[in-house]
Amino acid sequence: MPDATHKIPFSGRIVMIGSGSIGQGVIPLLRQHIDMPADRVQVISANAGGREVMESHGVGFLEQTLTPGNYQDVLKPQLEAGDFLLNLSVDVSSVALVELAQAAGALYLDTCIEPWLGGYTDAKLSPSLRSNYALRETALKLKGHGKPTAVLTHGANPGLVSHFAKRALLNIAQDTGFAVERPKTREDWAALARDLGIKVIHVAERDTQVSDRPKEVGEFVNTWSVDGFIGEGCQPAEMGWGTHEKILPEDGAHHAFGSDAAIYLNRPGASVRVRTWTPLEGAFHGFLITHNESISLADFLTLKDSQGVAAYRPTVHYAYHPCDAAVNSMHELAGKNWVAQERHRLIVDEVTSGIDELGVLLCGHAKNAYWYGSQLSIEEARDLAPHNNATSLQVTAPVLAGMIWAMENPDRGVVEPEEMDHERVLELAGPYLGPVVGAYGDWTPLEGRETLFPEDLDRDDPWQFKNVRVI
């Protein structure tokens, strides 16, 4: 584990909700880098999983399921002004927790905007209202000045990848001879992306971690939260919708409210595949899983004309190839009409080899495509921090970084990753990310197409979504 040459002092308490793979993985980082007694950390979990890890670090552990009917009674006695509410749970409303934290005068951070149990799959709600777009619009209504900082969606992705995107834009500008100062405002960042010719941003991730124990029939295996992956895989596929796009997909739709920065498809994200590229894997197909950064980054990089109409916006979406056991698990889940397997297994200690190659792929500029991100192996992850695999450490490191940023900026109200100082976050998270590299490539989604069969392609613009989507 990297030495904590300068621990961040924190005089409050940390109340952490959830003790899954991310909760267990973040505890040693908090103990290493935040200067506070262990007995001022309280973990609240819906089950006993993680109790042994938490108690080995000297922190409190309370087994308690939070519901709309009891969360205030459970949490209010735990929180005072100056404390930190860290939400690493599933099935607990992020909006409810942000409201509670701000009323108490406490800081807040989560890794995604969660609804209450069942919110992702409630068939009584339209696909639009089951989307991350809708969750984000609700959370953004809490924005205001003079309140304690509440950092939304700050894990690996969403979170870290938005900081990668900013650094990637600056690297492309430098490498293409584009003279620019570091942007200071949202409009400055959007103008830079426009001027560089960025049409598409993929969060391109390939997880090659494997276990020596194969997936069994009726079992869902993953390198991070099984419940979290199933939940987002069953939500509608979503993406930030670029102004260069010519045709809305036949199964696509705009939302009838909010920023209009994104569209959704009338099908689960885990049923949609897209073409993408990373430096080590090369070209591959990934799931178009909905994630908040697809919406928030597209919104952040939007420029509007004098009439308020979007004049520039890139298409932004996730392109995720999880570990092979998770691919098989999701294939089995889809075959059961999205009814989840009863048995879940996280592979952390039992991973035998592999890496998680996670970054952003920016396409359409003068050098075609540029990937920037982390290539963290399981061996490096284990050397850097206990209770982590490569995937979880790419989440827990930016959780730590986001918490420290919030402690250093305690009165910013509700913020998204794009509104934070990317250099400070990368400085804090960087020691835990393994090789962080940038690589240019000549890949486009037209590469190798029509080798076996004719296809309906737009060869005039490789970066049209119809070329990226796998049909």
Protein backbone atom coordinates (compact mmCIF):
# COMPACT_ATOMS: atom_id res chain seq x y z
CA MET A 1 0.00 0.00 0.00
CA PRO A 2 1.37 3.48 -0.84
CA ASP A 3 2.65 5.40 2.16
CA ALA A 4 0.38 8.12 3.49
CA THR A 5 2.99 10.88 3.64
CA HIS A 6 0.33 13.33 4.70
CA LYS A 7 -2.87 12.09 6.29
CA ILE A 8 -5.92 14.30 5.94
CA PRO A 9 -7.21 15.23 9.42
CA PHE A 10 -10.94 14.75 9.93
CA SER A 11 -12.60 15.59 13.23
CA GLY A 12 -16.06 14.22 12.44
CA ARG A 13 -17.42 10.71 12.18
CA ILE A 14 -17.76 8.61 9.04
CA VAL A 15 -21.02 6.67 8.70
CA MET A 16 -20.70 4.18 5.86
CA ILE A 17 -23.76 2.42 4.45
CA GLY A 18 -22.96 -0.91 2.80
CA SER A 19 -20.23 -3.48 3.38
CA GLY A 20 -19.99 -5.26 0.05
CA SER A 21 -16.85 -5.49 -2.06
CA ILE A 22 -16.47 -1.71 -2.32
CA GLY A 23 -17.14 -1.07 1.36
CA GLN A 24 -14.64 -3.73 2.40
CA GLY A 25 -12.09 -2.46 -0.10
CA VAL A 26 -12.33 1.20 0.88
CA ILE A 27 -11.86 0.71 4.64
CA PRO A 28 -8.07 0.13 4.51
CA LEU A 29 -7.70 3.21 2.29
CA LEU A 30 -9.64 5.37 4.72
CA ARG A 31 -7.56 4.09 7.62
CA GLN A 32 -4.37 4.77 5.66
CA HIS A 33 -5.11 8.28 4.41
CA ILE A 34 -7.60 9.93 6.79
CA ASP A 35 -6.36 10.84 10.25
CA MET A 36 -9.13 9.84 12.66
CA PRO A 37 -9.72 7.14 15.28
CA ALA A 38 -11.15 3.87 13.99
CA ASP A 39 -13.93 3.97 16.56
CA ARG A 40 -15.32 7.07 14.85
CA VAL A 41 -16.21 5.00 11.76
CA GLN A 42 -19.61 3.26 11.83
CA VAL A 43 -20.69 0.78 9.15
CA ILE A 44 -24.38 -0.02 8.58
CA SER A 45 -25.13 -3.01 6.39
CA ALA A 46 -28.25 -4.90 5.35
CA ASN A 47 -26.49 -8.20 6.05
CA ALA A 48 -23.54 -9.62 7.95
CA GLY A 49 -21.29 -9.77 4.90
CA GLY A 50 -18.10 -7.84 5.57
CA ARG A 51 -18.48 -7.80 9.34
CA GLU A 52 -15.20 -9.66 9.88
CA VAL A 53 -13.27 -7.27 7.66
CA MET A 54 -14.78 -4.19 9.29
CA GLU A 55 -14.17 -5.39 12.82
CA SER A 56 -10.58 -6.32 11.94
CA HIS A 57 -10.02 -2.63 11.22
CA GLY A 58 -11.60 -1.59 14.52
CA VAL A 59 -14.69 0.09 13.07
CA GLY A 60 -18.25 -0.32 14.31
CA PHE A 61 -20.67 -2.63 12.50
CA LEU A 62 -24.47 -2.53 12.64
CA GLU A 63 -26.58 -5.03 10.70
CA GLN A 64 -29.70 -3.10 9.70
CA THR A 65 -31.67 -2.89 6.45
CA LEU A 66 -32.57 0.71 5.61
CA THR A 67 -36.06 1.32 4.24
CA PRO A 68 -38.21 4.38 3.50
CA GLY A 69 -39.88 3.80 6.85
CA ASN A 70 -36.82 3.55 9.09
CA TYR A 71 -33.80 5.22 7.52
CA GLN A 72 -34.28 8.52 9.34
CA ASP A 73 -34.71 6.83 12.72
CA VAL A 74 -31.55 4.78 12.15
CA LEU A 75 -29.33 7.50 10.68
CA LYS A 76 -30.32 10.72 12.43
CA PRO A 77 -28.80 9.68 15.78
CA GLN A 78 -25.58 8.77 13.93
CA LEU A 79 -25.04 12.08 12.10
CA GLU A 80 -24.03 15.51 13.31
CA ALA A 81 -22.69 18.63 11.61
CA GLY A 82 -19.22 17.96 10.26
CA ASP A 83 -19.68 14.20 9.87
CA PHE A 84 -19.45 12.27 6.58
CA LEU A 85 -22.19 9.99 5.20
CA LEU A 86 -20.59 7.56 2.73
CA ASN A 87 -23.19 5.67 0.71
CA LEU A 88 -21.88 2.43 -0.82
CA SER A 89 -25.18 0.57 -0.67
CA VAL A 90 -27.77 -0.71 -3.12
CA ASP A 91 -31.54 -0.30 -2.83
CA VAL A 92 -31.29 2.81 -0.62
CA SER A 93 -32.40 6.12 -2.14
CA SER A 94 -29.46 8.44 -2.76
CA VAL A 95 -31.77 11.46 -2.90
CA ALA A 96 -33.22 10.62 0.53
CA LEU A 97 -29.71 10.26 1.96
CA VAL A 98 -28.45 13.52 0.43
CA GLU A 99 -31.42 15.37 1.95
CA LEU A 100 -30.78 13.79 5.34
CA ALA A 101 -27.02 14.52 5.26
CA GLN A 102 -27.49 18.14 4.27
CA ALA A 103 -30.14 18.66 6.95
CA ALA A 104 -27.67 17.30 9.50
CA GLY A 105 -24.81 19.43 8.18
CA ALA A 106 -22.85 16.32 7.07
CA LEU A 107 -20.77 15.73 3.96
CA TYR A 108 -21.89 13.03 1.53
CA LEU A 109 -20.57 10.84 -1.30
CA ASP A 110 -22.00 7.94 -3.30
CA THR A 111 -20.89 5.93 -6.32
CA CYS A 112 -24.20 5.99 -8.18
CA ILE A 113 -27.65 7.48 -7.74
CA GLU A 114 -29.70 4.65 -6.29
CA PRO A 115 -33.49 4.36 -5.93
CA TRP A 116 -35.25 2.49 -3.17
CA LEU A 117 -35.58 -1.28 -3.61
CA GLY A 118 -37.34 -2.15 -6.86
CA GLY A 119 -36.91 1.24 -8.49
CA TYR A 120 -34.78 -0.11 -11.35
CA THR A 121 -37.31 -2.74 -12.40
CA ASP A 122 -40.72 -1.33 -11.39
CA ALA A 123 -42.86 -2.22 -14.41
CA LYS A 124 -45.47 0.36 -13.30
CA LEU A 125 -42.96 3.06 -14.28
CA SER A 126 -42.16 3.89 -17.89
CA PRO A 127 -38.65 3.07 -19.15
CA SER A 128 -37.91 6.79 -19.05
CA LEU A 129 -38.74 6.97 -15.35
CA ARG A 130 -36.66 3.85 -14.59
CA SER A 131 -33.61 5.46 -16.16
CA ASN A 132 -30.45 6.98 -14.73
CA TYR A 133 -31.48 10.14 -16.57
CA ALA A 134 -34.57 10.40 -14.37
CA LEU A 135 -32.62 9.62 -11.19
CA ARG A 136 -30.07 12.31 -12.07
CA GLU A 137 -32.72 14.93 -12.81
CA THR A 138 -34.27 14.28 -9.39
CA ALA A 139 -30.90 14.51 -7.63
CA LEU A 140 -29.95 17.74 -9.40
CA LYS A 141 -33.01 19.43 -7.92
CA LEU A 142 -31.10 19.36 -4.63
CA LYS A 143 -28.43 21.70 -5.96
CA GLY A 144 -27.97 24.90 -4.01
CA HIS A 145 -25.38 27.10 -2.38
CA GLY A 146 -24.25 27.20 1.23
CA LYS A 147 -24.93 23.54 1.96
CA PRO A 148 -22.42 20.85 2.87
CA THR A 149 -20.75 19.21 -0.11
CA ALA A 150 -22.58 16.18 -1.49
CA VAL A 151 -20.58 14.39 -4.20
CA LEU A 152 -22.78 12.36 -6.54
CA THR A 153 -21.61 9.28 -8.47
CA HIS A 154 -17.91 9.21 -7.64
CA GLY A 155 -16.55 5.71 -8.08
CA ALA A 156 -14.62 4.42 -11.10
CA ASN A 157 -17.43 4.99 -13.53
CA PRO A 158 -19.27 7.11 -12.97
CA GLY A 159 -16.62 9.28 -11.34
CA LEU A 160 -12.98 8.64 -12.20
CA VAL A 161 -13.64 8.41 -15.94
CA SER A 162 -14.85 12.03 -16.10
CA HIS A 163 -11.47 13.11 -14.72
CA PHE A 164 -9.77 10.86 -17.27
CA ALA A 165 -11.81 12.58 -20.00
CA LYS A 166 -10.59 16.03 -18.99
CA ARG A 167 -6.97 14.94 -18.99
CA ALA A 168 -7.47 13.18 -22.32
CA LEU A 169 -8.83 16.37 -23.89
CA LEU A 170 -5.76 18.30 -22.73
CA ASN A 171 -3.42 15.56 -23.98
CA ILE A 172 -5.05 15.51 -27.42
CA ALA A 173 -4.84 19.31 -27.60
CA GLN A 174 -1.14 19.23 -26.78
CA ASP A 175 -0.38 16.37 -29.20
CA THR A 176 -2.23 18.00 -32.11
CA GLY A 177 -0.61 21.42 -31.65
CA PHE A 178 -3.81 22.98 -30.35
CA ALA A 179 -2.77 25.87 -28.10
CA VAL A 180 -5.09 26.05 -25.13
CA GLU A 181 -4.95 27.04 -21.49
CA ARG A 182 -6.51 24.76 -18.93
CA PRO A 183 -10.28 25.37 -19.21
CA LYS A 184 -11.86 27.14 -16.26
CA THR A 185 -15.59 26.70 -16.92
CA ARG A 186 -17.95 24.09 -18.25
CA GLU A 187 -18.30 26.11 -21.44
CA ASP A 188 -14.52 26.19 -21.84
CA TRP A 189 -14.31 22.38 -21.61
CA ALA A 190 -17.18 21.95 -24.07
CA ALA A 191 -15.59 24.41 -26.51
CA LEU A 192 -12.31 22.51 -26.30
CA ALA A 193 -14.04 19.20 -27.09
CA ARG A 194 -15.87 20.82 -30.00
CA ASP A 195 -12.76 22.48 -31.40
CA LEU A 196 -10.80 19.23 -31.21
CA GLY A 197 -13.56 17.50 -33.19
CA ILE A 198 -14.61 15.00 -30.51
CA LYS A 199 -17.71 13.19 -31.75
CA VAL A 200 -17.82 10.15 -29.50
CA ILE A 201 -16.63 9.25 -26.00
CA HIS A 202 -16.76 5.61 -24.98
CA VAL A 203 -16.10 4.50 -21.44
CA ALA A 204 -14.29 1.47 -22.78
CA GLU A 205 -13.59 -1.27 -20.24
CA ARG A 206 -12.30 -4.84 -20.57
CA ASP A 207 -12.03 -6.97 -17.42
CA THR A 208 -9.96 -10.14 -17.96
CA GLN A 209 -9.83 -11.34 -14.35
CA VAL A 210 -10.47 -15.06 -13.90
CA SER A 211 -10.98 -17.46 -11.03
CA ASP A 212 -9.86 -21.07 -10.74
CA ARG A 213 -13.47 -21.95 -9.88
CA PRO A 214 -15.77 -21.91 -12.93
CA LYS A 215 -19.20 -20.32 -12.89
CA GLU A 216 -21.90 -22.85 -12.09
CA VAL A 217 -25.35 -23.07 -13.65
CA GLY A 218 -27.78 -20.88 -11.70
CA GLU A 219 -25.02 -18.70 -10.29
CA PHE A 220 -24.13 -15.06 -11.05
CA VAL A 221 -20.40 -14.37 -10.77
CA ASN A 222 -18.82 -10.93 -10.90
CA THR A 223 -15.73 -9.00 -9.80
CA TRP A 224 -17.85 -6.31 -8.13
CA SER A 225 -21.40 -5.97 -6.79
CA VAL A 226 -23.68 -8.62 -8.31
CA ASP A 227 -26.83 -6.77 -7.24
CA GLY A 228 -25.46 -3.52 -8.66
CA PHE A 229 -24.59 -5.05 -12.03
CA ILE A 230 -27.92 -6.84 -12.36
CA GLY A 231 -29.78 -3.64 -11.46
CA GLU A 232 -28.06 -1.46 -14.04
CA GLY A 233 -28.10 -4.24 -16.64
CA CYS A 234 -31.91 -4.41 -16.38
CA GLN A 235 -32.37 -0.65 -16.71
CA PRO A 236 -32.91 0.78 -20.19
CA ALA A 237 -29.77 1.27 -22.27
CA GLU A 238 -28.87 4.97 -22.13
CA MET A 239 -26.38 7.28 -23.78
CA GLY A 240 -25.58 10.93 -24.15
CA TRP A 241 -26.83 11.77 -27.64
CA GLY A 242 -24.44 13.68 -29.89
CA THR A 243 -25.38 16.52 -32.22
CA HIS A 244 -23.53 14.77 -35.07
CA GLU A 245 -25.94 11.82 -35.01
CA LYS A 246 -28.13 11.63 -38.11
CA ILE A 247 -30.72 9.01 -37.15
CA LEU A 248 -32.41 8.17 -33.87
CA PRO A 249 -32.40 4.37 -33.35
CA GLU A 250 -35.74 2.71 -34.10
CA ASP A 251 -36.00 1.63 -30.47
CA GLY A 252 -34.67 4.93 -29.15
CA ALA A 253 -36.54 7.80 -27.51
CA HIS A 254 -35.92 11.20 -25.98
CA HIS A 255 -37.09 11.97 -22.46
CA ALA A 256 -39.98 14.40 -22.11
CA PHE A 257 -38.29 16.34 -19.30
CA GLY A 258 -34.93 17.65 -18.17
CA SER A 259 -31.79 18.59 -20.07
CA ASP A 260 -32.42 16.38 -23.14
CA ALA A 261 -28.71 15.50 -23.11
CA ALA A 262 -29.43 11.77 -23.45
CA ILE A 263 -31.70 9.19 -25.05
CA TYR A 264 -32.72 5.71 -23.98
CA LEU A 265 -33.47 2.49 -25.83
CA ASN A 266 -36.59 0.48 -25.10
CA ARG A 267 -34.61 -2.55 -24.05
CA PRO A 268 -32.33 -3.56 -21.15
CA GLY A 269 -28.78 -2.30 -21.39
CA ALA A 270 -27.41 -5.82 -20.97
CA SER A 271 -29.21 -6.81 -24.19
CA VAL A 272 -27.40 -4.17 -26.28
CA ARG A 273 -23.81 -4.51 -27.48
CA VAL A 274 -21.51 -1.91 -29.00
CA ARG A 275 -18.13 -1.91 -30.72
CA THR A 276 -15.18 -0.28 -29.00
CA TRP A 277 -11.40 -0.47 -28.49
CA THR A 278 -8.77 -0.45 -25.75
CA PRO A 279 -4.99 -0.55 -26.23
CA LEU A 280 -4.33 -4.01 -24.75
CA GLU A 281 -7.51 -5.80 -25.80
CA GLY A 282 -7.89 -4.16 -29.20
CA ALA A 283 -11.37 -4.21 -30.74
CA PHE A 284 -14.18 -5.91 -28.82
CA HIS A 285 -17.93 -5.89 -28.17
CA GLY A 286 -19.19 -4.48 -24.88
CA PHE A 287 -22.54 -4.13 -23.17
CA LEU A 288 -24.17 -0.71 -23.48
CA ILE A 289 -24.90 -0.55 -19.75
CA THR A 290 -26.50 2.64 -18.49
CA HIS A 291 -24.26 4.80 -16.29
CA ASN A 292 -24.60 8.29 -14.96
CA GLU A 293 -21.42 9.52 -16.67
CA SER A 294 -22.98 8.86 -20.06
CA ILE A 295 -25.47 11.60 -19.21
CA SER A 296 -23.50 13.95 -16.97
CA LEU A 297 -20.42 14.09 -19.21
CA ALA A 298 -22.53 14.62 -22.33
CA ASP A 299 -24.45 17.37 -20.53
CA PHE A 300 -21.22 18.95 -19.27
CA LEU A 301 -19.79 19.06 -22.82
CA THR A 302 -22.90 20.59 -24.42
CA LEU A 303 -22.77 23.99 -26.10
CA LYS A 304 -26.06 25.72 -26.93
CA ASP A 305 -26.90 28.40 -29.47
CA SER A 306 -28.65 31.67 -28.72
CA GLN A 307 -32.02 29.90 -28.85
CA GLY A 308 -31.00 27.38 -26.21
CA VAL A 309 -30.70 24.52 -28.71
CA ALA A 310 -27.74 22.18 -28.48
CA ALA A 311 -25.18 23.16 -31.09
CA TYR A 312 -22.50 20.71 -29.98
CA ARG A 313 -22.55 17.58 -27.86
CA PRO A 314 -20.63 14.30 -28.20
CA THR A 315 -22.29 10.91 -27.99
CA VAL A 316 -21.20 9.34 -24.69
CA HIS A 317 -21.83 5.79 -23.50
CA TYR A 318 -20.40 2.86 -21.60
CA ALA A 319 -18.96 -0.09 -23.55
CA TYR A 320 -18.36 -2.78 -20.95
CA HIS A 321 -16.91 -6.25 -21.33
CA PRO A 322 -16.91 -7.60 -17.76
CA CYS A 323 -14.99 -10.68 -16.72
CA ASP A 324 -15.94 -13.70 -18.81
CA ALA A 325 -17.81 -15.32 -15.91
CA ALA A 326 -19.98 -12.21 -15.63
CA VAL A 327 -20.69 -12.28 -19.38
CA ASN A 328 -21.91 -15.86 -19.04
CA SER A 329 -23.90 -14.91 -15.95
CA MET A 330 -25.62 -12.05 -17.77
CA HIS A 331 -26.35 -14.28 -20.77
CA GLU A 332 -28.02 -16.78 -18.42
CA LEU A 333 -29.96 -13.97 -16.69
CA ALA A 334 -31.28 -12.68 -20.03
CA GLY A 335 -32.33 -16.21 -20.99
CA LYS A 336 -34.45 -16.38 -17.85
CA ASN A 337 -36.25 -13.18 -18.91
CA TRP A 338 -34.20 -11.03 -16.52
CA VAL A 339 -35.04 -13.07 -13.42
CA ALA A 340 -31.87 -13.08 -11.32
CA GLN A 341 -30.09 -16.22 -10.24
CA GLU A 342 -30.52 -17.13 -6.58
CA ARG A 343 -26.80 -17.71 -5.97
CA HIS A 344 -24.34 -14.81 -6.21
CA ARG A 345 -20.56 -14.98 -5.99
CA LEU A 346 -18.02 -12.16 -5.88
CA ILE A 347 -14.55 -13.16 -6.95
CA VAL A 348 -11.97 -11.13 -5.04
CA ASP A 349 -9.56 -13.38 -3.15
CA GLU A 350 -10.07 -16.23 -5.62
CA VAL A 351 -9.01 -14.24 -8.72
CA THR A 352 -5.92 -15.94 -10.13
CA SER A 353 -4.93 -13.59 -12.96
CA GLY A 354 -6.09 -10.75 -15.20
CA ILE A 355 -6.43 -7.00 -15.41
CA ASP A 356 -9.16 -4.39 -15.55
CA GLU A 357 -8.43 -2.04 -18.44
CA LEU A 358 -10.70 0.95 -17.78
CA GLY A 359 -10.58 4.27 -19.58
CA VAL A 360 -12.16 6.72 -21.96
CA LEU A 361 -11.93 6.49 -25.75
CA LEU A 362 -12.27 9.89 -27.45
CA CYS A 363 -12.95 9.65 -31.18
CA GLY A 364 -13.25 11.92 -34.19
CA HIS A 365 -10.28 14.25 -33.63
CA ALA A 366 -7.23 14.83 -35.85
CA LYS A 367 -5.48 11.68 -34.56
CA ASN A 368 -8.65 9.55 -34.87
CA ALA A 369 -9.04 7.79 -31.50
CA TYR A 370 -7.33 8.23 -28.12
CA TRP A 371 -7.76 5.98 -25.08
CA TYR A 372 -6.71 7.18 -21.64
CA GLY A 373 -7.08 5.17 -18.48
CA SER A 374 -5.96 2.55 -15.96
CA GLN A 375 -4.51 -0.89 -16.73
CA LEU A 376 -4.55 -2.40 -13.25
CA SER A 377 -3.65 -6.06 -12.71
CA ILE A 378 -4.80 -8.29 -9.88
CA GLU A 379 -1.18 -8.65 -8.72
CA GLU A 380 -0.73 -4.87 -8.49
CA ALA A 381 -4.08 -4.43 -6.78
CA ARG A 382 -3.15 -6.93 -4.07
CA ASP A 383 0.22 -5.24 -3.54
CA LEU A 384 -1.49 -1.84 -3.21
CA ALA A 385 -4.39 -2.56 -0.86
CA PRO A 386 -5.95 -5.51 0.98
CA HIS A 387 -9.56 -6.69 0.39
CA ASN A 388 -9.45 -5.51 -3.26
CA ASN A 389 -9.25 -6.95 -6.75
CA ALA A 390 -8.38 -4.83 -9.79
CA THR A 391 -11.99 -3.76 -10.39
CA SER A 392 -12.81 -2.81 -6.82
CA LEU A 393 -9.59 -0.82 -6.35
CA GLN A 394 -10.45 1.28 -9.41
CA VAL A 395 -13.63 2.19 -7.49
CA THR A 396 -12.31 2.51 -3.94
CA ALA A 397 -9.40 4.79 -4.90
CA PRO A 398 -11.68 7.48 -6.38
CA VAL A 399 -14.08 7.04 -3.45
CA LEU A 400 -11.17 7.96 -1.17
CA ALA A 401 -10.13 10.81 -3.49
CA GLY A 402 -13.67 12.17 -3.67
CA MET A 403 -14.05 12.09 0.09
CA ILE A 404 -10.81 14.00 0.59
CA TRP A 405 -11.83 16.54 -2.06
CA ALA A 406 -15.15 17.02 -0.23
CA MET A 407 -13.32 17.49 3.08
CA GLU A 408 -11.12 20.12 1.41
CA ASN A 409 -14.16 21.76 -0.24
CA PRO A 410 -16.89 21.36 2.40
CA ASP A 411 -19.42 23.97 1.25
CA ARG A 412 -19.98 23.23 -2.45
CA GLY A 413 -23.46 21.74 -2.17
CA VAL A 414 -24.46 18.99 -4.62
CA VAL A 415 -21.72 18.40 -7.20
CA GLU A 416 -21.04 15.93 -9.99
CA PRO A 417 -17.57 14.64 -10.91
CA GLU A 418 -17.29 17.00 -13.89
CA GLU A 419 -17.53 19.97 -11.50
CA MET A 420 -14.55 18.85 -9.42
CA ASP A 421 -10.82 19.53 -9.84
CA HIS A 422 -9.70 16.62 -11.99
CA GLU A 423 -6.01 17.14 -11.25
CA ARG A 424 -6.54 16.92 -7.48
CA VAL A 425 -8.66 13.78 -7.79
CA LEU A 426 -6.15 12.07 -10.09
CA GLU A 427 -3.32 13.06 -7.76
CA LEU A 428 -5.08 11.34 -4.87
CA ALA A 429 -6.35 8.25 -6.72
CA GLY A 430 -3.40 7.79 -9.07
CA PRO A 431 -1.12 5.75 -6.77
CA TYR A 432 -3.75 2.99 -6.67
CA LEU A 433 -4.54 2.75 -10.39
CA GLY A 434 -1.52 0.86 -11.74
CA PRO A 435 -0.25 2.04 -15.13
CA VAL A 436 -2.27 5.06 -16.26
CA VAL A 437 -1.59 5.42 -19.97
CA GLY A 438 -2.72 7.20 -23.10
CA ALA A 439 -2.67 5.52 -26.51
CA TYR A 440 -3.72 6.58 -29.99
CA GLY A 441 -5.26 4.08 -32.38
CA ASP A 442 -6.50 3.92 -35.96
CA TRP A 443 -9.52 1.77 -35.01
CA THR A 444 -12.99 2.79 -36.15
CA PRO A 445 -16.25 0.82 -35.89
CA LEU A 446 -16.00 0.22 -39.66
CA GLU A 447 -12.85 -1.87 -39.25
CA GLY A 448 -13.28 -5.34 -40.76
CA ARG A 449 -16.96 -4.85 -41.55
CA GLU A 450 -18.85 -6.62 -44.37
CA THR A 451 -16.26 -9.40 -44.42
CA LEU A 452 -18.92 -12.11 -44.28
CA PHE A 453 -22.23 -10.34 -44.93
CA PRO A 454 -23.46 -6.98 -46.28
CA GLU A 455 -24.36 -4.39 -43.64
CA ASP A 456 -26.20 -1.09 -43.46
CA LEU A 457 -23.30 1.24 -42.71
CA ASP A 458 -22.63 4.97 -42.85
CA ARG A 459 -19.20 5.07 -44.41
CA ASP A 460 -19.23 8.87 -44.67
CA ASP A 461 -19.09 9.17 -40.88
CA PRO A 462 -17.58 6.23 -38.99
CA TRP A 463 -18.69 7.66 -35.65
CA GLN A 464 -22.42 7.34 -36.22
CA PHE A 465 -24.06 5.24 -33.52
CA LYS A 466 -25.56 2.95 -36.18
CA ASN A 467 -21.98 1.89 -36.99
CA VAL A 468 -21.06 1.38 -33.35
CA ARG A 469 -24.08 -0.70 -32.37
CA VAL A 470 -23.93 -4.44 -32.84
CA ILE A 471 -27.11 -5.65 -34.58
